[in-house]
Amino acid sequence: MTNRGPTIPADALGKLFEPFWQASNGGDAKSLGLGLGLFIAHQIVQAHEGSIAVQSQNGETTFTVRLPR
């Protein structure tokens, strides 16, 4: 899945899957989430022995999920 928006800083990418952690949105808007969505997605992918990765550059953020057959 890819979305357009502010690039997530490189130092924040490694923390995105931690519970209750949210990347700063640059002060543009108040975040309404709890910081659990990506953590839960990561846990589900791990439970199925898969992997989830994120890449963010040039105003596009891409999440890649790989699951075994």
PDB file of N, CA and C in Angstrom:
ATOM      1  N   MET A   1       0.847  -1.157   0.000  1.00  0.00           N
ATOM      2  CA  MET A   1       0.000   0.000   0.000  1.00  0.00           C
ATOM      3  C   MET A   1       0.898   1.227   0.000  1.00  0.00           C
ATOM      4  N   THR A   2       0.577   2.209  -0.822  1.00  0.00           N
ATOM      5  CA  THR A   2       1.343   3.457  -0.889  1.00  0.00           C
ATOM      6  C   THR A   2       0.393   4.629  -0.692  1.00  0.00           C
ATOM      7  N   ASN A   3       0.854   5.606   0.093  1.00  0.00           N
ATOM      8  CA  ASN A   3       0.071   6.833   0.211  1.00  0.00           C
ATOM      9  C   ASN A   3       0.984   8.031   0.047  1.00  0.00           C
ATOM     10  N   ARG A   4       0.410   9.134  -0.338  1.00  0.00           N
ATOM     11  CA  ARG A   4       1.153  10.371  -0.507  1.00  0.00           C
ATOM     12  C   ARG A   4       0.917  11.251   0.716  1.00  0.00           C
ATOM     13  N   GLY A   5       1.934  11.942   1.092  1.00  0.00           N
ATOM     14  CA  GLY A   5       1.859  12.825   2.245  1.00  0.00           C
ATOM     15  C   GLY A   5       3.266  13.145   2.690  1.00  0.00           C
ATOM     16  N   PRO A   6       3.394  13.733   3.852  1.00  0.00           N
ATOM     17  CA  PRO A   6       4.733  14.069   4.333  1.00  0.00           C
ATOM     18  C   PRO A   6       5.597  12.811   4.472  1.00  0.00           C
ATOM     19  N   THR A   7       6.862  12.937   4.081  1.00  0.00           N
ATOM     20  CA  THR A   7       7.806  11.833   4.227  1.00  0.00           C
ATOM     21  C   THR A   7       8.063  11.607   5.715  1.00  0.00           C
ATOM     22  N   ILE A   8       8.054  10.349   6.129  1.00  0.00           N
ATOM     23  CA  ILE A   8       8.346  10.005   7.525  1.00  0.00           C
ATOM     24  C   ILE A   8       9.861  10.049   7.696  1.00  0.00           C
ATOM     25  N   PRO A   9      10.352  10.767   8.702  1.00  0.00           N
ATOM     26  CA  PRO A   9      11.801  10.845   8.908  1.00  0.00           C
ATOM     27  C   PRO A   9      12.422   9.460   9.102  1.00  0.00           C
ATOM     28  N   ALA A  10      13.634   9.282   8.594  1.00  0.00           N
ATOM     29  CA  ALA A  10      14.321   7.989   8.656  1.00  0.00           C
ATOM     30  C   ALA A  10      14.458   7.481  10.087  1.00  0.00           C
ATOM     31  N   ASP A  11      14.711   8.359  11.048  1.00  0.00           N
ATOM     32  CA  ASP A  11      14.880   7.915  12.434  1.00  0.00           C
ATOM     33  C   ASP A  11      13.565   7.449  13.054  1.00  0.00           C
ATOM     34  N   ALA A  12      12.448   7.780  12.459  1.00  0.00           N
ATOM     35  CA  ALA A  12      11.141   7.359  12.974  1.00  0.00           C
ATOM     36  C   ALA A  12      10.683   6.038  12.370  1.00  0.00           C
ATOM     37  N   LEU A  13      11.214   5.659  11.219  1.00  0.00           N
ATOM     38  CA  LEU A  13      10.746   4.452  10.531  1.00  0.00           C
ATOM     39  C   LEU A  13      10.892   3.194  11.383  1.00  0.00           C
ATOM     40  N   GLY A  14      11.975   3.083  12.127  1.00  0.00           N
ATOM     41  CA  GLY A  14      12.196   1.900  12.955  1.00  0.00           C
ATOM     42  C   GLY A  14      11.278   1.806  14.162  1.00  0.00           C
ATOM     43  N   LYS A  15      10.606   2.895  14.495  1.00  0.00           N
ATOM     44  CA  LYS A  15       9.734   2.935  15.669  1.00  0.00           C
ATOM     45  C   LYS A  15       8.252   2.783  15.319  1.00  0.00           C
ATOM     46  N   LEU A  16       7.913   2.824  14.046  1.00  0.00           N
ATOM     47  CA  LEU A  16       6.503   2.852  13.639  1.00  0.00           C
ATOM     48  C   LEU A  16       5.692   1.662  14.129  1.00  0.00           C
ATOM     49  N   PHE A  17       6.330   0.523  14.324  1.00  0.00           N
ATOM     50  CA  PHE A  17       5.606  -0.687  14.714  1.00  0.00           C
ATOM     51  C   PHE A  17       5.595  -0.907  16.226  1.00  0.00           C
ATOM     52  N   GLU A  18       6.089   0.072  16.996  1.00  0.00           N
ATOM     53  CA  GLU A  18       6.064  -0.017  18.453  1.00  0.00           C
ATOM     54  C   GLU A  18       4.697   0.446  18.965  1.00  0.00           C
ATOM     55  N   PRO A  19       4.201  -0.178  20.046  1.00  0.00           N
ATOM     56  CA  PRO A  19       2.883   0.221  20.562  1.00  0.00           C
ATOM     57  C   PRO A  19       2.906   1.638  21.135  1.00  0.00           C
ATOM     58  N   PHE A  20       1.830   2.354  20.913  1.00  0.00           N
ATOM     59  CA  PHE A  20       1.594   3.701  21.442  1.00  0.00           C
ATOM     60  C   PHE A  20       2.583   4.734  20.925  1.00  0.00           C
ATOM     61  N   TRP A  21       3.263   4.457  19.810  1.00  0.00           N
ATOM     62  CA  TRP A  21       4.210   5.405  19.238  1.00  0.00           C
ATOM     63  C   TRP A  21       3.645   5.968  17.946  1.00  0.00           C
ATOM     64  N   GLN A  22       3.782   7.275  17.766  1.00  0.00           N
ATOM     65  CA  GLN A  22       3.306   7.931  16.548  1.00  0.00           C
ATOM     66  C   GLN A  22       4.382   8.862  16.035  1.00  0.00           C
ATOM     67  N   ALA A  23       4.570   8.872  14.722  1.00  0.00           N
ATOM     68  CA  ALA A  23       5.502   9.823  14.118  1.00  0.00           C
ATOM     69  C   ALA A  23       4.913  11.217  14.226  1.00  0.00           C
ATOM     70  N   SER A  24       5.758  12.190  14.395  1.00  0.00           N
ATOM     71  CA  SER A  24       5.302  13.571  14.437  1.00  0.00           C
ATOM     72  C   SER A  24       4.730  13.944  13.073  1.00  0.00           C
ATOM     73  N   ASN A  25       3.628  14.650  13.093  1.00  0.00           N
ATOM     74  CA  ASN A  25       3.017  15.068  11.827  1.00  0.00           C
ATOM     75  C   ASN A  25       3.420  16.491  11.458  1.00  0.00           C
ATOM     76  N   GLY A  26       4.455  17.007  12.101  1.00  0.00           N
ATOM     77  CA  GLY A  26       4.935  18.344  11.760  1.00  0.00           C
ATOM     78  C   GLY A  26       4.061  19.463  12.280  1.00  0.00           C
ATOM     79  N   GLY A  27       3.121  19.147  13.141  1.00  0.00           N
ATOM     80  CA  GLY A  27       2.256  20.158  13.714  1.00  0.00           C
ATOM     81  C   GLY A  27       1.112  20.577  12.822  1.00  0.00           C
ATOM     82  N   ASP A  28       0.914  19.884  11.688  1.00  0.00           N
ATOM     83  CA  ASP A  28      -0.161  20.256  10.767  1.00  0.00           C
ATOM     84  C   ASP A  28      -1.544  19.942  11.316  1.00  0.00           C
ATOM     85  N   ALA A  29      -1.660  18.836  12.025  1.00  0.00           N
ATOM     86  CA  ALA A  29      -2.964  18.422  12.545  1.00  0.00           C
ATOM     87  C   ALA A  29      -2.754  17.570  13.780  1.00  0.00           C
ATOM     88  N   LYS A  30      -3.734  17.540  14.637  1.00  0.00           N
ATOM     89  CA  LYS A  30      -3.647  16.705  15.828  1.00  0.00           C
ATOM     90  C   LYS A  30      -3.999  15.269  15.450  1.00  0.00           C
ATOM     91  N   SER A  31      -3.139  14.359  15.878  1.00  0.00           N
ATOM     92  CA  SER A  31      -3.388  12.952  15.611  1.00  0.00           C
ATOM     93  C   SER A  31      -4.492  12.443  16.529  1.00  0.00           C
ATOM     94  N   LEU A  32      -5.402  11.669  15.971  1.00  0.00           N
ATOM     95  CA  LEU A  32      -6.519  11.156  16.750  1.00  0.00           C
ATOM     96  C   LEU A  32      -6.337   9.704  17.149  1.00  0.00           C
ATOM     97  N   GLY A  33      -5.283   9.054  16.668  1.00  0.00           N
ATOM     98  CA  GLY A  33      -5.088   7.633  16.943  1.00  0.00           C
ATOM     99  C   GLY A  33      -4.374   7.380  18.260  1.00  0.00           C
ATOM    100  N   LEU A  34      -4.344   6.100  18.634  1.00  0.00           N
ATOM    101  CA  LEU A  34      -3.661   5.680  19.846  1.00  0.00           C
ATOM    102  C   LEU A  34      -2.247   5.181  19.584  1.00  0.00           C
ATOM    103  N   GLY A  35      -1.893   4.996  18.322  1.00  0.00           N
ATOM    104  CA  GLY A  35      -0.580   4.456  18.008  1.00  0.00           C
ATOM    105  C   GLY A  35      -0.550   2.938  18.115  1.00  0.00           C
ATOM    106  N   LEU A  36      -1.688   2.289  17.859  1.00  0.00           N
ATOM    107  CA  LEU A  36      -1.753   0.836  17.967  1.00  0.00           C
ATOM    108  C   LEU A  36      -1.950   0.131  16.631  1.00  0.00           C
ATOM    109  N   GLY A  37      -2.412   0.822  15.603  1.00  0.00           N
ATOM    110  CA  GLY A  37      -2.761   0.182  14.332  1.00  0.00           C
ATOM    111  C   GLY A  37      -1.599  -0.554  13.686  1.00  0.00           C
ATOM    112  N   LEU A  38      -0.458   0.113  13.535  1.00  0.00           N
ATOM    113  CA  LEU A  38       0.692  -0.532  12.907  1.00  0.00           C
ATOM    114  C   LEU A  38       1.285  -1.603  13.815  1.00  0.00           C
ATOM    115  N   PHE A  39       1.216  -1.403  15.121  1.00  0.00           N
ATOM    116  CA  PHE A  39       1.678  -2.426  16.062  1.00  0.00           C
ATOM    117  C   PHE A  39       0.839  -3.699  15.896  1.00  0.00           C
ATOM    118  N   ILE A  40      -0.471  -3.557  15.826  1.00  0.00           N
ATOM    119  CA  ILE A  40      -1.358  -4.719  15.670  1.00  0.00           C
ATOM    120  C   ILE A  40      -1.118  -5.396  14.324  1.00  0.00           C
ATOM    121  N   ALA A  41      -0.978  -4.612  13.266  1.00  0.00           N
ATOM    122  CA  ALA A  41      -0.685  -5.191  11.948  1.00  0.00           C
ATOM    123  C   ALA A  41       0.617  -5.979  11.992  1.00  0.00           C
ATOM    124  N   HIS A  42       1.626  -5.435  12.632  1.00  0.00           N
ATOM    125  CA  HIS A  42       2.926  -6.105  12.756  1.00  0.00           C
ATOM    126  C   HIS A  42       2.786  -7.424  13.513  1.00  0.00           C
ATOM    127  N   GLN A  43       2.018  -7.423  14.578  1.00  0.00           N
ATOM    128  CA  GLN A  43       1.824  -8.641  15.374  1.00  0.00           C
ATOM    129  C   GLN A  43       1.104  -9.724  14.566  1.00  0.00           C
ATOM    130  N   ILE A  44       0.107  -9.334  13.795  1.00  0.00           N
ATOM    131  CA  ILE A  44      -0.626 -10.297  12.958  1.00  0.00           C
ATOM    132  C   ILE A  44       0.304 -10.895  11.906  1.00  0.00           C
ATOM    133  N   VAL A  45       1.089 -10.046  11.253  1.00  0.00           N
ATOM    134  CA  VAL A  45       2.020 -10.525  10.227  1.00  0.00           C
ATOM    135  C   VAL A  45       3.049 -11.476  10.848  1.00  0.00           C
ATOM    136  N   GLN A  46       3.580 -11.125  12.009  1.00  0.00           N
ATOM    137  CA  GLN A  46       4.551 -11.992  12.682  1.00  0.00           C
ATOM    138  C   GLN A  46       3.922 -13.329  13.074  1.00  0.00           C
ATOM    139  N   ALA A  47       2.677 -13.312  13.529  1.00  0.00           N
ATOM    140  CA  ALA A  47       1.991 -14.549  13.925  1.00  0.00           C
ATOM    141  C   ALA A  47       1.847 -15.505  12.744  1.00  0.00           C
ATOM    142  N   HIS A  48       1.831 -14.948  11.538  1.00  0.00           N
ATOM    143  CA  HIS A  48       1.725 -15.767  10.328  1.00  0.00           C
ATOM    144  C   HIS A  48       3.093 -15.995   9.680  1.00  0.00           C
ATOM    145  N   GLU A  49       4.151 -15.705  10.455  1.00  0.00           N
ATOM    146  CA  GLU A  49       5.536 -15.896  10.023  1.00  0.00           C
ATOM    147  C   GLU A  49       5.870 -15.117   8.750  1.00  0.00           C
ATOM    148  N   GLY A  50       5.320 -13.918   8.660  1.00  0.00           N
ATOM    149  CA  GLY A  50       5.583 -13.049   7.523  1.00  0.00           C
ATOM    150  C   GLY A  50       6.437 -11.867   7.927  1.00  0.00           C
ATOM    151  N   SER A  51       6.471 -10.873   7.059  1.00  0.00           N
ATOM    152  CA  SER A  51       7.239  -9.666   7.341  1.00  0.00           C
ATOM    153  C   SER A  51       6.460  -8.444   6.866  1.00  0.00           C
ATOM    154  N   ILE A  52       6.731  -7.322   7.513  1.00  0.00           N
ATOM    155  CA  ILE A  52       6.129  -6.052   7.126  1.00  0.00           C
ATOM    156  C   ILE A  52       7.257  -5.018   7.125  1.00  0.00           C
ATOM    157  N   ALA A  53       7.291  -4.197   6.099  1.00  0.00           N
ATOM    158  CA  ALA A  53       8.342  -3.193   5.963  1.00  0.00           C
ATOM    159  C   ALA A  53       7.722  -1.867   5.531  1.00  0.00           C
ATOM    160  N   VAL A  54       8.438  -0.796   5.805  1.00  0.00           N
ATOM    161  CA  VAL A  54       7.981   0.537   5.429  1.00  0.00           C
ATOM    162  C   VAL A  54       9.134   1.285   4.765  1.00  0.00           C
ATOM    163  N   GLN A  55       8.794   2.057   3.762  1.00  0.00           N
ATOM    164  CA  GLN A  55       9.752   2.920   3.078  1.00  0.00           C
ATOM    165  C   GLN A  55       9.056   4.256   2.860  1.00  0.00           C
ATOM    166  N   SER A  56       9.749   5.351   3.158  1.00  0.00           N
ATOM    167  CA  SER A  56       9.145   6.672   3.005  1.00  0.00           C
ATOM    168  C   SER A  56      10.170   7.619   2.398  1.00  0.00           C
ATOM    169  N   GLN A  57       9.834   8.130   1.207  1.00  0.00           N
ATOM    170  CA  GLN A  57      10.722   9.091   0.541  1.00  0.00           C
ATOM    171  C   GLN A  57       9.942   9.871  -0.503  1.00  0.00           C
ATOM    172  N   ASN A  58      10.382  11.064  -0.762  1.00  0.00           N
ATOM    173  CA  ASN A  58       9.801  11.923  -1.801  1.00  0.00           C
ATOM    174  C   ASN A  58       8.281  12.061  -1.691  1.00  0.00           C
ATOM    175  N   GLY A  59       7.763  12.166  -0.477  1.00  0.00           N
ATOM    176  CA  GLY A  59       6.330  12.374  -0.291  1.00  0.00           C
ATOM    177  C   GLY A  59       5.474  11.149  -0.497  1.00  0.00           C
ATOM    178  N   GLU A  60       6.084   9.956  -0.519  1.00  0.00           N
ATOM    179  CA  GLU A  60       5.322   8.706  -0.627  1.00  0.00           C
ATOM    180  C   GLU A  60       5.801   7.734   0.443  1.00  0.00           C
ATOM    181  N   THR A  61       4.849   7.109   1.112  1.00  0.00           N
ATOM    182  CA  THR A  61       5.154   6.086   2.105  1.00  0.00           C
ATOM    183  C   THR A  61       4.532   4.786   1.642  1.00  0.00           C
ATOM    184  N   THR A  62       5.359   3.727   1.616  1.00  0.00           N
ATOM    185  CA  THR A  62       4.903   2.423   1.140  1.00  0.00           C
ATOM    186  C   THR A  62       5.105   1.373   2.227  1.00  0.00           C
ATOM    187  N   PHE A  63       4.043   0.633   2.523  1.00  0.00           N
ATOM    188  CA  PHE A  63       4.105  -0.509   3.426  1.00  0.00           C
ATOM    189  C   PHE A  63       4.018  -1.775   2.582  1.00  0.00           C
ATOM    190  N   THR A  64       4.932  -2.713   2.827  1.00  0.00           N
ATOM    191  CA  THR A  64       4.959  -3.971   2.109  1.00  0.00           C
ATOM    192  C   THR A  64       4.797  -5.111   3.105  1.00  0.00           C
ATOM    193  N   VAL A  65       3.800  -5.955   2.870  1.00  0.00           N
ATOM    194  CA  VAL A  65       3.554  -7.130   3.716  1.00  0.00           C
ATOM    195  C   VAL A  65       3.815  -8.371   2.891  1.00  0.00           C
ATOM    196  N   ARG A  66       4.592  -9.288   3.452  1.00  0.00           N
ATOM    197  CA  ARG A  66       4.858 -10.561   2.799  1.00  0.00           C
ATOM    198  C   ARG A  66       4.425 -11.677   3.749  1.00  0.00           C
ATOM    199  N   LEU A  67       3.595 -12.575   3.216  1.00  0.00           N
ATOM    200  CA  LEU A  67       3.103 -13.714   3.997  1.00  0.00           C
ATOM    201  C   LEU A  67       3.441 -14.999   3.259  1.00  0.00           C
ATOM    202  N   PRO A  68       3.829 -16.045   3.993  1.00  0.00           N
ATOM    203  CA  PRO A  68       4.116 -17.309   3.328  1.00  0.00           C
ATOM    204  C   PRO A  68       2.823 -17.951   2.829  1.00  0.00           C
ATOM    205  N   ARG A  69       2.966 -18.784   1.820  1.00  0.00           N
ATOM    206  CA  ARG A  69       1.793 -19.501   1.296  1.00  0.00           C
ATOM    207  C   ARG A  69       1.456 -20.673   2.155  1.00  0.00           C
TER     208      ARG A  69
END
